[in-house]
Amino acid sequence: MTNLKNELKIPPEDTNLQEEWKIRIHKEGTKGLTIASIKQGTWLTKKLWSEWGWKEVLSKVGITWQKFMEAWSYCSHNFVYWAKGNFSWQSAVNRLIEELEMVIK
């Protein structure tokens, strides 16, 4: 069985983006567009899929872009927690990888 945690490259944390989002969330509250943008996910998923080589690894185990985005939808709230400073980057990305591992089981 494939261990995705060993095969997928994790990009470095963008602390500037995190700080910008933290400020915007504080101003907007929970009904703001910032949280919706984070949950929508293309700010990260496109980069992971294309720039960080996740497409090659995930395609080998049968995960399409659509399945990738479905897995994202189950754990996008972790990236909101990260943006608020309540969750580490590593933990948020690991949760995404765990969701992807569930898809291939």
C-alpha atoms as a PDB file:
ATOM      1  CA  MET A   1       0.000   0.000   0.000  1.00  0.00           C
ATOM      2  CA  THR A   2       1.165   3.501  -0.796  1.00  0.00           C
ATOM      3  CA  ASN A   3       2.156   5.722   2.107  1.00  0.00           C
ATOM      4  CA  LEU A   4       1.281   9.160   0.784  1.00  0.00           C
ATOM      5  CA  LYS A   5       2.927  10.961   3.712  1.00  0.00           C
ATOM      6  CA  ASN A   6       6.275   9.671   2.489  1.00  0.00           C
ATOM      7  CA  GLU A   7       5.663  10.454  -1.167  1.00  0.00           C
ATOM      8  CA  LEU A   8       3.932  13.844  -1.230  1.00  0.00           C
ATOM      9  CA  LYS A   9       6.046  16.964  -0.950  1.00  0.00           C
ATOM     10  CA  ILE A  10       4.708  19.493   1.520  1.00  0.00           C
ATOM     11  CA  PRO A  11       5.204  23.133   0.599  1.00  0.00           C
ATOM     12  CA  PRO A  12       6.600  25.516   3.173  1.00  0.00           C
ATOM     13  CA  GLU A  13       4.133  27.408   5.314  1.00  0.00           C
ATOM     14  CA  ASP A  14       3.187  30.807   3.932  1.00  0.00           C
ATOM     15  CA  THR A  15       3.158  32.798   7.158  1.00  0.00           C
ATOM     16  CA  ASN A  16       2.533  36.068   5.299  1.00  0.00           C
ATOM     17  CA  LEU A  17      -0.680  34.664   3.829  1.00  0.00           C
ATOM     18  CA  GLN A  18      -1.656  33.244   7.197  1.00  0.00           C
ATOM     19  CA  GLU A  19      -1.210  36.627   8.886  1.00  0.00           C
ATOM     20  CA  GLU A  20      -3.157  38.430   6.156  1.00  0.00           C
ATOM     21  CA  TRP A  21      -6.018  35.959   6.491  1.00  0.00           C
ATOM     22  CA  LYS A  22      -5.966  36.111  10.282  1.00  0.00           C
ATOM     23  CA  ILE A  23      -6.432  39.891  10.112  1.00  0.00           C
ATOM     24  CA  ARG A  24      -9.201  39.626   7.499  1.00  0.00           C
ATOM     25  CA  ILE A  25     -11.062  36.920   9.449  1.00  0.00           C
ATOM     26  CA  HIS A  26     -10.870  39.036  12.595  1.00  0.00           C
ATOM     27  CA  LYS A  27     -12.374  42.001  10.724  1.00  0.00           C
ATOM     28  CA  GLU A  28     -15.029  40.012   8.838  1.00  0.00           C
ATOM     29  CA  GLY A  29     -16.073  37.484  11.449  1.00  0.00           C
ATOM     30  CA  THR A  30     -17.223  33.982  10.578  1.00  0.00           C
ATOM     31  CA  LYS A  31     -19.526  35.085   7.744  1.00  0.00           C
ATOM     32  CA  GLY A  32     -16.812  36.753   5.677  1.00  0.00           C
ATOM     33  CA  LEU A  33     -15.476  35.954   2.262  1.00  0.00           C
ATOM     34  CA  THR A  34     -12.042  35.047   3.566  1.00  0.00           C
ATOM     35  CA  ILE A  35     -13.252  31.842   5.201  1.00  0.00           C
ATOM     36  CA  ALA A  36     -15.170  30.941   2.035  1.00  0.00           C
ATOM     37  CA  SER A  37     -12.023  31.536  -0.030  1.00  0.00           C
ATOM     38  CA  ILE A  38      -9.940  29.343   2.236  1.00  0.00           C
ATOM     39  CA  LYS A  39     -12.503  26.544   2.149  1.00  0.00           C
ATOM     40  CA  GLN A  40     -12.842  26.790  -1.646  1.00  0.00           C
ATOM     41  CA  GLY A  41      -9.218  25.743  -1.726  1.00  0.00           C
ATOM     42  CA  THR A  42      -7.721  26.547  -5.107  1.00  0.00           C
ATOM     43  CA  TRP A  43      -5.214  28.878  -3.424  1.00  0.00           C
ATOM     44  CA  LEU A  44      -3.460  25.670  -2.297  1.00  0.00           C
ATOM     45  CA  THR A  45      -4.881  22.729  -4.230  1.00  0.00           C
ATOM     46  CA  LYS A  46      -3.771  24.014  -7.637  1.00  0.00           C
ATOM     47  CA  LYS A  47      -0.237  24.490  -6.346  1.00  0.00           C
ATOM     48  CA  LEU A  48      -0.128  21.053  -4.704  1.00  0.00           C
ATOM     49  CA  TRP A  49      -1.512  19.345  -7.804  1.00  0.00           C
ATOM     50  CA  SER A  50       0.685  21.124 -10.357  1.00  0.00           C
ATOM     51  CA  GLU A  51       3.704  22.789  -8.790  1.00  0.00           C
ATOM     52  CA  TRP A  52       4.401  20.338  -5.974  1.00  0.00           C
ATOM     53  CA  GLY A  53       3.941  17.177  -8.046  1.00  0.00           C
ATOM     54  CA  TRP A  54       0.974  15.721  -6.199  1.00  0.00           C
ATOM     55  CA  LYS A  55      -0.741  14.953  -9.516  1.00  0.00           C
ATOM     56  CA  GLU A  56       1.879  12.364 -10.448  1.00  0.00           C
ATOM     57  CA  VAL A  57       1.777  10.611  -7.067  1.00  0.00           C
ATOM     58  CA  LEU A  58      -1.996  10.684  -6.691  1.00  0.00           C
ATOM     59  CA  SER A  59      -2.738   9.677 -10.277  1.00  0.00           C
ATOM     60  CA  LYS A  60      -0.699   6.498  -9.763  1.00  0.00           C
ATOM     61  CA  VAL A  61      -3.091   5.448  -6.997  1.00  0.00           C
ATOM     62  CA  GLY A  62      -6.248   6.410  -8.892  1.00  0.00           C
ATOM     63  CA  ILE A  63      -6.945   9.818  -7.381  1.00  0.00           C
ATOM     64  CA  THR A  64      -8.235  12.291  -9.954  1.00  0.00           C
ATOM     65  CA  TRP A  65      -8.479  16.053  -9.565  1.00  0.00           C
ATOM     66  CA  GLN A  66     -12.161  15.604  -8.686  1.00  0.00           C
ATOM     67  CA  LYS A  67     -11.387  13.074  -5.951  1.00  0.00           C
ATOM     68  CA  PHE A  68      -8.604  15.336  -4.703  1.00  0.00           C
ATOM     69  CA  MET A  69     -11.032  18.237  -4.385  1.00  0.00           C
ATOM     70  CA  GLU A  70     -13.568  15.987  -2.653  1.00  0.00           C
ATOM     71  CA  ALA A  71     -10.931  15.020  -0.081  1.00  0.00           C
ATOM     72  CA  TRP A  72     -10.118  18.719   0.304  1.00  0.00           C
ATOM     73  CA  SER A  73     -13.767  19.477   1.058  1.00  0.00           C
ATOM     74  CA  TYR A  74     -13.698  17.090   4.023  1.00  0.00           C
ATOM     75  CA  CYS A  75     -10.755  18.811   5.684  1.00  0.00           C
ATOM     76  CA  SER A  76     -10.725  22.414   4.450  1.00  0.00           C
ATOM     77  CA  HIS A  77     -11.852  23.574   7.892  1.00  0.00           C
ATOM     78  CA  ASN A  78      -8.385  22.616   9.170  1.00  0.00           C
ATOM     79  CA  PHE A  79      -6.890  25.284   6.922  1.00  0.00           C
ATOM     80  CA  VAL A  80      -9.309  27.828   8.391  1.00  0.00           C
ATOM     81  CA  TYR A  81      -8.010  26.807  11.830  1.00  0.00           C
ATOM     82  CA  TRP A  82      -4.462  27.227  10.492  1.00  0.00           C
ATOM     83  CA  ALA A  83      -5.290  30.694   9.127  1.00  0.00           C
ATOM     84  CA  LYS A  84      -6.633  31.683  12.542  1.00  0.00           C
ATOM     85  CA  GLY A  85      -3.442  30.430  14.198  1.00  0.00           C
ATOM     86  CA  ASN A  86      -5.194  27.528  15.957  1.00  0.00           C
ATOM     87  CA  PHE A  87      -3.650  24.677  13.968  1.00  0.00           C
ATOM     88  CA  SER A  88      -0.164  24.066  12.626  1.00  0.00           C
ATOM     89  CA  TRP A  89       0.546  23.996   8.898  1.00  0.00           C
ATOM     90  CA  GLN A  90       1.972  20.489   9.188  1.00  0.00           C
ATOM     91  CA  SER A  91      -1.163  19.249  10.971  1.00  0.00           C
ATOM     92  CA  ALA A  92      -3.497  20.785   8.384  1.00  0.00           C
ATOM     93  CA  VAL A  93      -1.587  19.278   5.458  1.00  0.00           C
ATOM     94  CA  ASN A  94      -1.329  15.921   7.223  1.00  0.00           C
ATOM     95  CA  ARG A  95      -5.112  15.889   7.656  1.00  0.00           C
ATOM     96  CA  LEU A  96      -5.481  16.434   3.905  1.00  0.00           C
ATOM     97  CA  ILE A  97      -3.107  13.556   3.234  1.00  0.00           C
ATOM     98  CA  GLU A  98      -5.066  11.356   5.658  1.00  0.00           C
ATOM     99  CA  GLU A  99      -8.258  12.128   3.732  1.00  0.00           C
ATOM    100  CA  LEU A 100      -6.523  11.190   0.498  1.00  0.00           C
ATOM    101  CA  GLU A 101      -5.350   7.918   2.033  1.00  0.00           C
ATOM    102  CA  MET A 102      -8.988   7.163   2.889  1.00  0.00           C
ATOM    103  CA  VAL A 103      -9.899   7.608  -0.781  1.00  0.00           C
ATOM    104  CA  ILE A 104      -7.463   4.889  -1.875  1.00  0.00           C
ATOM    105  CA  LYS A 105      -8.457   2.338   0.788  1.00  0.00           C
END
